Amino acid sequence: MIDNKVTDMTNSTTPNTASTEPCVLFATHNTDSGHVIGEMTLNSPKSLNALSVDMCQLMSEQLTQWQNDDKVVAILLRGSGDKAFCAGGDIRKLYDSMLDNPPLPNPYATEFFGSEYALYRQMHFYNKPIILWGNGIIMGGGMGLMAACSHRIVTETTKFAMPEISIGLFPDASGSWFLQRMPAKTGLFLGLTGALCNGNDAQFASLAEYALPSDSYSQVIQALSKVDWATGSNTHGVTSNASHLTSHCLATLSQDTPIDIAPSKLAEHWQTIKELMVSGGLKEIDALLQDDEAIAKLDPKFAADKWAQRALATYRAGCPVTAALTYELYHRVKDYSLEQILYLEANVAVHCANNPDFKEGVRALLIDKDKNPNWSRTLEACLDDEGSRYIASHFDNPYPAGEHIFADWLGLDSFAAQSLTS
């Protein structure tokens, strides 16, 4: 049975159309040194702050303004309400566009994934600290935002996952980048199983650096406002070591503020997870993940853990095409830059928006909610010659020859190239 705790929180389909409030709120907080902390609040609590095109574009525009404002020394990013930071992408309009069976590439998919991935790129290369308040649910697109922030705070309510296997997509939103950076192949396991994790797991997986109680957000603002941001400032009055000052501030605050978070399951089971993920190719990994007796023989404690059982159940009910794409991406992009990965993820995402499984997964899990998706292929059919060609086709450029929404990212205009020559 699919783990409802995961699938019910994935990629909300409830838009923020009923509210007259902006989908992102912007504010500033003055500091004692005369500088400013910028604040961005995702403001769609009914959809668990699911990301939309408008959200991404508004955030990108505001970040550009603050980047050029010497008084702004750091940015805070949070979600409204106490349930979620961001539970994924708001995919209702994307689902509707798939129902129209548009030609490849789907125009709305291009806009949706294009604005989302461009925001991640901007955040990754931002020249000022971006501090995540990672309270509550963080999934899918929210994970992309989390990975793009320079300083990440989790709480006792943090619950994160990449559960795209349940909706026939793949761990996108830069997932191919940050899953690579988790220790002992735990990223591959999370991508295949959609396992639900907590704040201590986030710290183990290099997705967070600090932990604070969920009621201490105001303390974060107070602590940041008291930092002497003028220390080491350049001729424009902007501190040149804002990242170090931010780290010291948050480290001191977290050390002085007790918090109780359940132990990390990833830390507890990393050796077993690693053995599962290096047991062979996807065919061999699948055989183990499908076999309760083999898992119990490998590690009885892991096999008896309800957390592991839920992860395995999600994998077994999940989309085989997603499993094949997840495995292929994980190994293909090992030496890719962030921009190369986002470029490739855009190809795969746009193809998924035109192929049947993503549409079927959203229908079954989030629209009709019958939780009975009819996946297009078995895993065996993904691994034979014809199936391998089908999986490989997702990586092809879906745009006309010589064109791509991120064409500039791989040339001299790439942020990576600029950083090397600056």
Protein backbone atom coordinates (compact mmCIF):
# COMPACT_ATOMS: atom_id res chain seq x y z
CA MET A 1 0.00 0.00 0.00
CA ILE A 2 1.23 3.50 -0.81
CA ASP A 3 2.18 5.58 2.20
CA ASN A 4 -0.58 8.17 2.47
CA LYS A 5 1.62 10.33 4.68
CA VAL A 6 3.81 10.90 1.65
CA THR A 7 1.42 10.95 -1.26
CA ASP A 8 -1.21 13.17 0.31
CA MET A 9 1.36 15.91 0.88
CA THR A 10 2.98 15.83 -2.55
CA ASN A 11 2.58 18.58 -5.13
CA SER A 12 -0.62 20.20 -3.94
CA THR A 13 -3.24 20.90 -6.58
CA THR A 14 -5.09 23.64 -4.70
CA PRO A 15 -4.22 27.03 -6.21
CA ASN A 16 -4.19 30.29 -4.29
CA THR A 17 -6.96 31.79 -6.42
CA ALA A 18 -9.42 32.28 -3.56
CA SER A 19 -7.13 34.67 -1.73
CA THR A 20 -6.63 38.32 -2.62
CA GLU A 21 -3.25 38.34 -0.87
CA PRO A 22 -0.05 38.09 -2.92
CA CYS A 23 1.32 34.58 -3.32
CA VAL A 24 4.66 35.78 -1.89
CA LEU A 25 4.99 38.37 0.87
CA PHE A 26 8.09 40.54 1.09
CA ALA A 27 9.31 42.42 4.16
CA THR A 28 12.49 43.90 5.60
CA HIS A 29 13.93 43.96 9.11
CA ASN A 30 16.33 46.69 10.21
CA THR A 31 19.53 45.74 12.01
CA ASP A 32 21.39 47.58 14.75
CA SER A 33 24.24 48.23 12.33
CA GLY A 34 21.99 50.10 9.91
CA HIS A 35 21.65 47.23 7.44
CA VAL A 36 18.56 45.30 6.36
CA ILE A 37 17.47 41.64 6.43
CA GLY A 38 15.12 40.81 3.56
CA GLU A 39 12.28 38.34 4.14
CA MET A 40 10.32 36.28 1.61
CA THR A 41 7.24 34.33 2.74
CA LEU A 42 5.55 31.80 0.47
CA ASN A 43 1.91 32.71 1.00
CA SER A 44 -0.38 29.91 -0.10
CA PRO A 45 -1.02 27.97 3.13
CA LYS A 46 -4.11 26.16 1.79
CA SER A 47 -1.89 24.49 -0.82
CA LEU A 48 0.90 24.00 1.73
CA ASN A 49 2.73 26.84 -0.04
CA ALA A 50 3.05 24.88 -3.26
CA LEU A 51 5.25 26.63 -5.83
CA SER A 52 3.63 28.33 -8.81
CA VAL A 53 4.99 30.20 -11.81
CA ASP A 54 3.97 33.51 -10.22
CA MET A 55 5.73 32.64 -6.97
CA CYS A 56 8.99 31.80 -8.74
CA GLN A 57 8.92 34.93 -10.87
CA LEU A 58 8.12 37.25 -7.96
CA MET A 59 10.88 35.75 -5.83
CA SER A 60 13.39 36.03 -8.65
CA GLU A 61 12.54 39.70 -9.25
CA GLN A 62 12.82 40.56 -5.55
CA LEU A 63 16.11 38.71 -5.18
CA THR A 64 17.51 40.73 -8.07
CA GLN A 65 16.46 43.97 -6.39
CA TRP A 66 17.98 42.97 -3.06
CA GLN A 67 21.15 41.75 -4.70
CA ASN A 68 21.71 45.28 -6.00
CA ASP A 69 20.86 46.94 -2.67
CA ASP A 70 23.98 47.38 -0.57
CA LYS A 71 21.98 47.76 2.64
CA VAL A 72 20.52 44.24 2.31
CA VAL A 73 22.95 41.77 3.88
CA ALA A 74 20.95 38.54 4.08
CA ILE A 75 17.62 37.01 3.05
CA LEU A 76 15.20 34.93 5.13
CA LEU A 77 12.91 32.47 3.33
CA ARG A 78 9.94 30.80 4.99
CA GLY A 79 6.40 29.55 4.37
CA SER A 80 3.20 30.96 5.84
CA GLY A 81 1.27 28.89 8.36
CA ASP A 82 2.69 26.22 10.63
CA LYS A 83 2.14 23.13 8.47
CA ALA A 84 4.62 23.52 5.67
CA PHE A 85 7.47 25.48 4.22
CA CYS A 86 6.64 24.21 0.72
CA ALA A 87 5.06 20.85 -0.13
CA GLY A 88 6.03 20.79 -3.80
CA GLY A 89 4.80 22.33 -7.03
CA ASP A 90 1.27 23.57 -7.61
CA ILE A 91 0.65 21.24 -10.53
CA ARG A 92 -3.10 21.58 -11.13
CA LYS A 93 -2.61 23.90 -14.11
CA LEU A 94 0.22 21.68 -15.32
CA TYR A 95 -2.09 18.66 -15.08
CA ASP A 96 -4.79 20.51 -17.02
CA SER A 97 -2.27 21.36 -19.73
CA MET A 98 -1.36 17.66 -20.02
CA LEU A 99 -5.04 16.77 -20.53
CA ASP A 100 -5.02 18.85 -23.70
CA ASN A 101 -2.37 16.51 -25.17
CA PRO A 102 -0.26 19.36 -26.55
CA PRO A 103 2.60 18.67 -28.96
CA LEU A 104 6.09 18.33 -27.53
CA PRO A 105 7.21 20.55 -25.88
CA ASN A 106 4.19 21.36 -23.70
CA PRO A 107 4.16 25.22 -23.55
CA TYR A 108 2.96 25.43 -19.96
CA ALA A 109 5.43 22.78 -18.82
CA THR A 110 8.16 24.92 -20.35
CA GLU A 111 6.95 27.95 -18.40
CA PHE A 112 6.43 26.03 -15.17
CA PHE A 113 9.72 24.15 -15.02
CA GLY A 114 11.61 27.00 -16.69
CA SER A 115 10.68 29.59 -14.04
CA GLU A 116 11.23 27.10 -11.21
CA TYR A 117 14.65 25.91 -12.32
CA ALA A 118 15.81 29.43 -13.15
CA LEU A 119 14.99 30.47 -9.59
CA TYR A 120 17.05 27.60 -8.16
CA ARG A 121 20.01 28.62 -10.31
CA GLN A 122 19.73 32.24 -9.21
CA MET A 123 19.59 31.23 -5.55
CA HIS A 124 22.53 28.83 -5.77
CA PHE A 125 24.78 31.57 -7.15
CA TYR A 126 23.37 34.42 -5.06
CA ASN A 127 25.97 36.75 -3.56
CA LYS A 128 24.30 37.12 -0.15
CA PRO A 129 23.26 34.53 2.43
CA ILE A 130 19.79 33.02 1.93
CA ILE A 131 18.54 31.50 5.18
CA LEU A 132 15.84 28.84 5.05
CA TRP A 133 13.34 28.51 7.88
CA GLY A 134 12.57 24.86 7.11
CA ASN A 135 9.57 24.34 9.33
CA GLY A 136 6.97 21.65 8.58
CA ILE A 137 6.58 19.81 5.27
CA ILE A 138 9.28 20.23 2.61
CA MET A 139 8.86 18.22 -0.58
CA GLY A 140 9.59 18.35 -4.30
CA GLY A 141 9.95 21.98 -5.30
CA GLY A 142 10.36 22.91 -1.65
CA MET A 143 13.39 20.66 -1.53
CA GLY A 144 14.81 22.54 -4.50
CA LEU A 145 14.48 25.79 -2.55
CA MET A 146 16.00 24.17 0.52
CA ALA A 147 19.02 22.91 -1.42
CA ALA A 148 19.53 26.34 -3.00
CA CYS A 149 19.73 28.21 0.32
CA SER A 150 23.15 28.84 1.83
CA HIS A 151 22.04 28.40 5.47
CA ARG A 152 19.25 25.94 6.38
CA ILE A 153 17.39 25.73 9.69
CA VAL A 154 15.18 22.75 10.53
CA THR A 155 12.80 22.24 13.45
CA GLU A 156 11.14 19.36 15.28
CA THR A 157 8.25 19.60 12.77
CA THR A 158 10.40 19.28 9.63
CA LYS A 159 9.31 16.46 7.32
CA PHE A 160 11.01 16.18 3.96
CA ALA A 161 10.86 13.80 1.01
CA MET A 162 11.24 13.48 -2.74
CA PRO A 163 8.17 11.31 -3.40
CA GLU A 164 7.88 11.81 -7.17
CA ILE A 165 7.89 8.04 -7.71
CA SER A 166 4.28 8.10 -6.50
CA ILE A 167 3.15 10.54 -9.20
CA GLY A 168 5.17 9.32 -12.19
CA LEU A 169 7.57 12.27 -12.41
CA PHE A 170 11.19 12.00 -11.14
CA PRO A 171 13.18 13.70 -8.36
CA ASP A 172 13.52 17.01 -10.18
CA ALA A 173 13.82 20.54 -8.73
CA SER A 174 17.62 20.04 -8.75
CA GLY A 175 17.13 16.69 -6.99
CA SER A 176 19.66 15.13 -9.35
CA TRP A 177 22.17 17.59 -7.87
CA PHE A 178 21.49 17.36 -4.14
CA LEU A 179 20.70 13.62 -3.99
CA GLN A 180 24.22 13.08 -5.38
CA ARG A 181 25.68 14.90 -2.40
CA MET A 182 24.14 12.74 0.31
CA PRO A 183 26.45 10.19 1.95
CA ALA A 184 26.50 6.43 1.36
CA LYS A 185 24.07 6.40 -1.59
CA THR A 186 21.24 7.53 0.71
CA GLY A 187 20.22 10.06 -1.95
CA LEU A 188 19.52 7.30 -4.47
CA PHE A 189 17.47 5.47 -1.85
CA LEU A 190 15.40 8.58 -1.09
CA GLY A 191 14.84 9.20 -4.79
CA LEU A 192 13.64 5.63 -5.39
CA THR A 193 11.51 5.22 -2.28
CA GLY A 194 10.25 8.70 -1.40
CA ALA A 195 11.13 7.95 2.23
CA LEU A 196 9.83 10.56 4.67
CA CYS A 197 12.60 12.10 6.78
CA ASN A 198 13.01 14.55 9.67
CA GLY A 199 15.27 17.42 10.67
CA ASN A 200 18.11 15.21 11.88
CA ASP A 201 17.98 13.33 8.58
CA ALA A 202 18.31 16.69 6.80
CA GLN A 203 21.48 17.47 8.74
CA PHE A 204 22.90 13.98 8.04
CA ALA A 205 22.09 14.40 4.33
CA SER A 206 23.81 17.80 4.02
CA LEU A 207 20.49 19.61 3.56
CA ALA A 208 20.58 21.57 6.81
CA GLU A 209 23.13 23.02 9.20
CA TYR A 210 21.10 24.24 12.18
CA ALA A 211 18.15 23.07 14.29
CA LEU A 212 15.84 25.30 16.34
CA PRO A 213 12.41 24.91 17.98
CA SER A 214 9.48 25.70 15.68
CA ASP A 215 8.41 28.63 17.89
CA SER A 216 11.76 30.42 17.69
CA TYR A 217 11.49 32.23 14.34
CA SER A 218 11.29 35.62 16.03
CA GLN A 219 14.52 34.77 17.87
CA VAL A 220 16.23 34.24 14.53
CA ILE A 221 15.22 37.71 13.37
CA GLN A 222 16.30 39.24 16.68
CA ALA A 223 19.68 37.50 16.58
CA LEU A 224 20.33 38.54 12.97
CA SER A 225 19.35 42.13 13.74
CA LYS A 226 22.03 42.34 16.43
CA VAL A 227 24.90 41.17 14.22
CA ASP A 228 27.48 43.84 13.44
CA TRP A 229 27.08 43.58 9.66
CA ALA A 230 29.51 46.47 9.18
CA THR A 231 32.39 44.19 10.22
CA GLY A 232 34.64 43.77 7.21
CA SER A 233 32.37 45.91 5.03
CA ASN A 234 33.57 47.09 1.67
CA THR A 235 33.49 50.62 0.29
CA HIS A 236 29.77 50.32 -0.45
CA GLY A 237 28.93 49.44 3.14
CA VAL A 238 28.10 45.83 2.34
CA THR A 239 29.80 43.25 4.52
CA SER A 240 32.22 41.07 2.59
CA ASN A 241 31.94 38.18 5.05
CA ALA A 242 28.16 38.08 5.50
CA SER A 243 28.15 34.31 5.11
CA HIS A 244 30.57 33.85 8.02
CA LEU A 245 28.64 36.29 10.19
CA THR A 246 25.41 34.46 9.40
CA SER A 247 26.96 31.10 10.24
CA HIS A 248 28.32 32.34 13.56
CA CYS A 249 24.99 33.94 14.50
CA LEU A 250 22.92 30.83 13.73
CA ALA A 251 25.44 28.48 15.31
CA THR A 252 25.43 30.48 18.54
CA LEU A 253 21.64 30.62 18.58
CA SER A 254 21.23 26.88 17.95
CA GLN A 255 23.80 25.99 20.61
CA ASP A 256 21.97 28.13 23.16
CA THR A 257 18.47 26.85 22.26
CA PRO A 258 17.64 23.24 23.19
CA ILE A 259 15.54 21.18 20.80
CA ASP A 260 14.34 17.58 20.73
CA ILE A 261 14.21 15.86 17.33
CA ALA A 262 13.87 12.12 16.78
CA PRO A 263 17.14 10.39 15.77
CA SER A 264 17.99 10.19 12.08
CA LYS A 265 16.82 7.04 10.32
CA LEU A 266 19.33 7.68 7.56
CA ALA A 267 22.15 7.75 10.10
CA GLU A 268 20.82 4.59 11.75
CA HIS A 269 20.44 2.60 8.54
CA TRP A 270 23.04 4.08 6.20
CA GLN A 271 25.09 0.90 5.96
CA THR A 272 22.11 -1.21 4.94
CA ILE A 273 20.89 1.46 2.53
CA LYS A 274 24.34 1.59 0.95
CA GLU A 275 24.41 -2.20 0.55
CA LEU A 276 21.00 -2.12 -1.13
CA MET A 277 21.99 0.68 -3.50
CA VAL A 278 25.31 -0.91 -4.60
CA SER A 279 23.95 -4.45 -5.02
CA GLY A 280 24.14 -4.16 -8.82
CA GLY A 281 22.22 -2.32 -11.49
CA LEU A 282 18.59 -1.26 -11.15
CA LYS A 283 17.44 -4.81 -11.91
CA GLU A 284 19.35 -6.18 -8.91
CA ILE A 285 18.38 -3.27 -6.65
CA ASP A 286 14.72 -3.76 -7.55
CA ALA A 287 14.92 -7.49 -6.83
CA LEU A 288 16.15 -6.72 -3.30
CA LEU A 289 13.66 -3.93 -2.65
CA GLN A 290 10.82 -6.25 -3.68
CA ASP A 291 11.95 -9.16 -1.47
CA ASP A 292 11.08 -8.97 2.25
CA GLU A 293 12.98 -12.16 3.03
CA ALA A 294 16.16 -10.95 1.36
CA ILE A 295 15.97 -7.64 3.22
CA ALA A 296 15.39 -9.39 6.54
CA LYS A 297 18.40 -11.59 5.86
CA LEU A 298 20.49 -8.53 5.04
CA ASP A 299 19.41 -6.56 8.13
CA PRO A 300 16.56 -7.75 10.42
CA LYS A 301 16.47 -4.42 12.24
CA PHE A 302 16.02 -2.47 9.01
CA ALA A 303 13.37 -4.90 7.80
CA ALA A 304 11.37 -4.48 11.02
CA ASP A 305 11.55 -0.68 11.07
CA LYS A 306 8.19 0.87 10.13
CA TRP A 307 10.03 3.76 8.48
CA ALA A 308 11.78 1.36 6.13
CA GLN A 309 8.59 -0.61 5.55
CA ARG A 310 6.75 2.55 4.45
CA ALA A 311 9.60 3.46 2.13
CA LEU A 312 9.60 0.00 0.55
CA ALA A 313 5.81 0.05 0.15
CA THR A 314 6.01 3.40 -1.62
CA TYR A 315 8.68 2.07 -3.98
CA ARG A 316 6.71 -1.07 -4.78
CA ALA A 317 3.56 0.88 -5.64
CA GLY A 318 5.52 3.56 -7.49
CA CYS A 319 6.03 4.25 -11.16
CA PRO A 320 8.61 1.97 -12.84
CA VAL A 321 9.49 4.65 -15.41
CA THR A 322 10.26 7.02 -12.52
CA ALA A 323 12.51 4.40 -10.95
CA ALA A 324 14.39 3.97 -14.23
CA LEU A 325 14.73 7.74 -14.75
CA THR A 326 15.85 8.25 -11.15
CA TYR A 327 18.52 5.58 -11.42
CA GLU A 328 19.74 6.80 -14.83
CA LEU A 329 19.90 10.45 -13.77
CA TYR A 330 21.70 9.65 -10.53
CA HIS A 331 24.51 7.90 -12.38
CA ARG A 332 24.57 10.08 -15.51
CA VAL A 333 25.09 13.45 -13.78
CA LYS A 334 27.80 12.44 -11.31
CA ASP A 335 30.32 14.88 -12.79
CA TYR A 336 27.86 17.52 -14.05
CA SER A 337 27.68 21.11 -12.85
CA LEU A 338 24.49 22.46 -11.32
CA GLU A 339 23.61 24.26 -14.54
CA GLN A 340 24.19 21.16 -16.63
CA ILE A 341 21.96 19.18 -14.28
CA LEU A 342 19.13 21.72 -14.40
CA TYR A 343 19.44 21.82 -18.20
CA LEU A 344 19.09 18.05 -18.35
CA GLU A 345 16.29 17.96 -15.76
CA ALA A 346 14.36 20.43 -17.91
CA ASN A 347 14.55 17.99 -20.82
CA VAL A 348 13.32 15.09 -18.71
CA ALA A 349 10.56 17.12 -17.04
CA VAL A 350 9.14 18.42 -20.31
CA HIS A 351 9.16 14.90 -21.76
CA CYS A 352 7.38 13.61 -18.64
CA ALA A 353 4.69 16.25 -19.18
CA ASN A 354 4.02 14.76 -22.62
CA ASN A 355 4.32 11.09 -21.70
CA PRO A 356 1.54 9.12 -19.94
CA ASP A 357 2.83 8.27 -16.46
CA PHE A 358 3.06 11.75 -14.94
CA LYS A 359 -0.50 12.54 -15.99
CA GLU A 360 -1.74 9.18 -14.70
CA GLY A 361 0.09 9.50 -11.40
CA VAL A 362 -1.35 12.94 -10.71
CA ARG A 363 -4.82 11.70 -11.61
CA ALA A 364 -4.65 8.68 -9.32
CA LEU A 365 -2.93 10.28 -6.35
CA LEU A 366 -4.15 13.88 -6.39
CA ILE A 367 -7.20 14.33 -8.65
CA ASP A 368 -9.43 11.25 -8.44
CA LYS A 369 -7.49 10.03 -5.38
CA ASP A 370 -8.28 6.39 -6.11
CA LYS A 371 -4.59 5.61 -5.43
CA ASN A 372 -4.68 3.04 -8.21
CA PRO A 373 -2.46 4.35 -11.01
CA ASN A 374 -2.18 2.35 -14.21
CA TRP A 375 1.50 2.75 -15.01
CA SER A 376 2.49 2.48 -18.67
CA ARG A 377 5.30 -0.07 -18.18
CA THR A 378 6.70 -2.58 -15.76
CA LEU A 379 10.27 -2.16 -14.63
CA GLU A 380 11.24 -5.16 -16.74
CA ALA A 381 9.77 -3.37 -19.76
CA CYS A 382 11.86 -0.31 -18.91
CA LEU A 383 15.08 -2.32 -18.94
CA ASP A 384 14.80 -4.27 -22.20
CA ASP A 385 16.13 -2.80 -25.45
CA GLU A 386 12.94 -0.97 -26.40
CA GLY A 387 12.37 0.24 -22.86
CA SER A 388 15.95 1.47 -22.58
CA ARG A 389 15.45 3.53 -25.73
CA TYR A 390 12.24 4.96 -24.26
CA ILE A 391 13.99 5.97 -21.03
CA ALA A 392 16.88 7.48 -23.00
CA SER A 393 14.46 9.54 -25.11
CA HIS A 394 13.55 11.59 -22.02
CA PHE A 395 17.03 13.12 -22.08
CA ASP A 396 16.76 14.40 -25.66
CA ASN A 397 16.34 18.14 -26.18
CA PRO A 398 12.57 18.59 -26.68
CA TYR A 399 13.01 21.96 -28.38
CA PRO A 400 13.83 22.72 -32.04
CA ALA A 401 17.40 22.11 -33.15
CA GLY A 402 19.78 24.69 -31.75
CA GLU A 403 17.24 25.97 -29.20
CA HIS A 404 16.69 25.38 -25.49
CA ILE A 405 15.15 27.42 -22.68
CA PHE A 406 18.48 27.31 -20.85
CA ALA A 407 20.77 27.49 -23.88
CA ASP A 408 22.87 30.30 -22.37
CA TRP A 409 23.64 28.34 -19.24
CA LEU A 410 26.22 26.08 -20.84
CA GLY A 411 28.32 28.73 -22.56
CA LEU A 412 30.37 31.70 -21.50
CA ASP A 413 27.26 33.26 -19.95
CA SER A 414 26.93 30.45 -17.42
CA PHE A 415 27.32 31.44 -13.78
CA ALA A 416 30.01 28.79 -13.46
CA ALA A 417 32.04 30.32 -16.29
CA GLN A 418 31.56 33.81 -14.87
CA SER A 419 32.79 32.72 -11.43
CA LEU A 420 35.92 31.20 -12.99
CA THR A 421 36.80 34.37 -14.89
CA SER A 422 35.78 37.01 -12.34
